[in-house]
Structure formats: structure tokens, C-alpha cells
Amino acid sequence: MLHAVLGDYGLDEAGITMDTRFHEDLDLESIDLVTLGGHLEARYGDAVNFAEYLAGLGLEQIITLTIGRLVEHVAACLRDSGEH
């Protein structure tokens, strides 16, 4: 999904870990997060509401959001909805 959002723009898969931050490490802007949310919705439907998740975070939490926190959120949503 990150490739879909960023295209070939400096995405080094070897350098992406659970601690990689969307803003500081990947230079994603808010519009990129909206695009990522669209990809998550297309993939998981209503089971994963990324916009709602972001709305529940403070500004500092959004700025420091990591791949790992997003993965944990998606996994929890899928677990709660019974989807895999």
C-alpha cells in the first residue's frame, strides 16, 4: 500500500520497519495519509476506518505515527470484526 501511495518516490523497502514514522521517515503529508486511508478502505472495507483512527489521535501522535502502530490498529480492527 505504501508503494501505491508513494509510487517510486524514495521508498526503500529494506529501510521500512515497524518503527518507521510516516511523517519524519517517509515524508508523508496529510494528503498522503488520506490516500493511504482510501487504500485501507478498498482493501478491508468498513472493518478498518483509518480516518476515525486518526481523528482519535492528538497532533503529536499523528506526527509520530509509525508503521507498527498502523499495523497494530489494522490487526485489532480485523480481529474485532472477525475478518482475516
Protein backbone atom coordinates (compact mmCIF):
# COMPACT_ATOMS: atom_id res chain seq x y z
CA MET A 1 0.00 0.00 0.00
CA LEU A 2 2.88 2.34 0.66
CA HIS A 3 4.05 1.82 -2.91
CA ALA A 4 0.57 2.78 -4.12
CA VAL A 5 0.70 5.99 -2.07
CA LEU A 6 4.29 6.96 -2.77
CA GLY A 7 4.89 5.36 -6.15
CA ASP A 8 8.62 5.21 -6.72
CA TYR A 9 9.22 8.32 -4.60
CA GLY A 10 12.17 7.29 -2.47
CA LEU A 11 10.60 4.18 -0.99
CA ASP A 12 13.28 1.77 0.18
CA GLU A 13 11.57 -1.40 1.40
CA ALA A 14 14.70 -2.56 3.20
CA GLY A 15 14.59 0.59 5.29
CA ILE A 16 10.94 0.23 6.39
CA THR A 17 10.42 -1.30 9.81
CA MET A 18 7.67 -1.26 12.41
CA ASP A 19 9.38 1.85 13.88
CA THR A 20 9.38 3.78 10.59
CA ARG A 21 7.47 7.04 11.04
CA PHE A 22 5.13 8.16 8.27
CA HIS A 23 5.93 11.86 8.57
CA GLU A 24 9.55 12.09 9.61
CA ASP A 25 10.98 8.99 7.90
CA LEU A 26 8.76 8.71 4.80
CA ASP A 27 7.88 12.40 4.39
CA LEU A 28 4.17 11.62 4.07
CA GLU A 29 1.92 14.65 4.31
CA SER A 30 -1.70 14.68 5.46
CA ILE A 31 -2.95 14.16 1.89
CA ASP A 32 -0.79 11.04 1.67
CA LEU A 33 -2.43 9.71 4.84
CA VAL A 34 -5.85 10.35 3.27
CA THR A 35 -4.74 8.37 0.21
CA LEU A 36 -3.44 5.58 2.44
CA GLY A 37 -6.80 5.56 4.23
CA GLY A 38 -8.51 5.11 0.87
CA HIS A 39 -6.30 2.13 0.09
CA LEU A 40 -7.04 0.61 3.51
CA GLU A 41 -10.78 1.05 2.93
CA ALA A 42 -10.54 -0.50 -0.54
CA ARG A 43 -8.66 -3.49 0.91
CA TYR A 44 -10.53 -4.02 4.19
CA GLY A 45 -13.86 -2.21 3.72
CA ASP A 46 -15.55 -0.82 6.80
CA ALA A 47 -13.56 -3.12 9.09
CA VAL A 48 -10.69 -0.60 9.17
CA ASN A 49 -11.70 3.06 9.50
CA PHE A 50 -8.38 4.90 9.25
CA ALA A 51 -9.98 8.36 9.29
CA GLU A 52 -11.74 7.57 12.56
CA TYR A 53 -8.49 6.23 13.99
CA LEU A 54 -6.62 9.41 13.05
CA ALA A 55 -9.42 11.58 14.45
CA GLY A 56 -8.89 9.92 17.83
CA LEU A 57 -5.20 10.83 17.90
CA GLY A 58 -3.60 14.06 19.01
CA LEU A 59 -1.44 16.09 16.65
CA GLU A 60 1.80 14.79 18.19
CA GLN A 61 0.57 11.20 17.87
CA ILE A 62 -0.26 11.74 14.20
CA ILE A 63 3.13 13.31 13.53
CA THR A 64 4.93 10.40 15.19
CA LEU A 65 2.64 7.65 13.79
CA THR A 66 4.66 4.57 12.90
CA ILE A 67 4.10 1.66 10.55
CA GLY A 68 3.89 -0.57 13.63
CA ARG A 69 1.07 1.43 15.22
CA LEU A 70 -0.89 1.30 11.98
CA VAL A 71 -0.29 -2.44 11.65
CA GLU A 72 -1.47 -2.94 15.25
CA HIS A 73 -4.59 -0.87 14.54
CA VAL A 74 -5.44 -2.81 11.38
CA ALA A 75 -4.85 -6.15 13.11
CA ALA A 76 -7.08 -5.14 16.06
CA CYS A 77 -9.86 -3.99 13.73
CA LEU A 78 -9.74 -7.22 11.75
CA ARG A 79 -9.63 -9.28 14.93
CA ASP A 80 -12.64 -7.40 16.33
CA SER A 81 -14.60 -7.76 13.10
CA GLY A 82 -13.73 -11.44 12.67
CA GLU A 83 -12.05 -10.81 9.27
CA HIS A 84 -8.56 -12.04 8.34
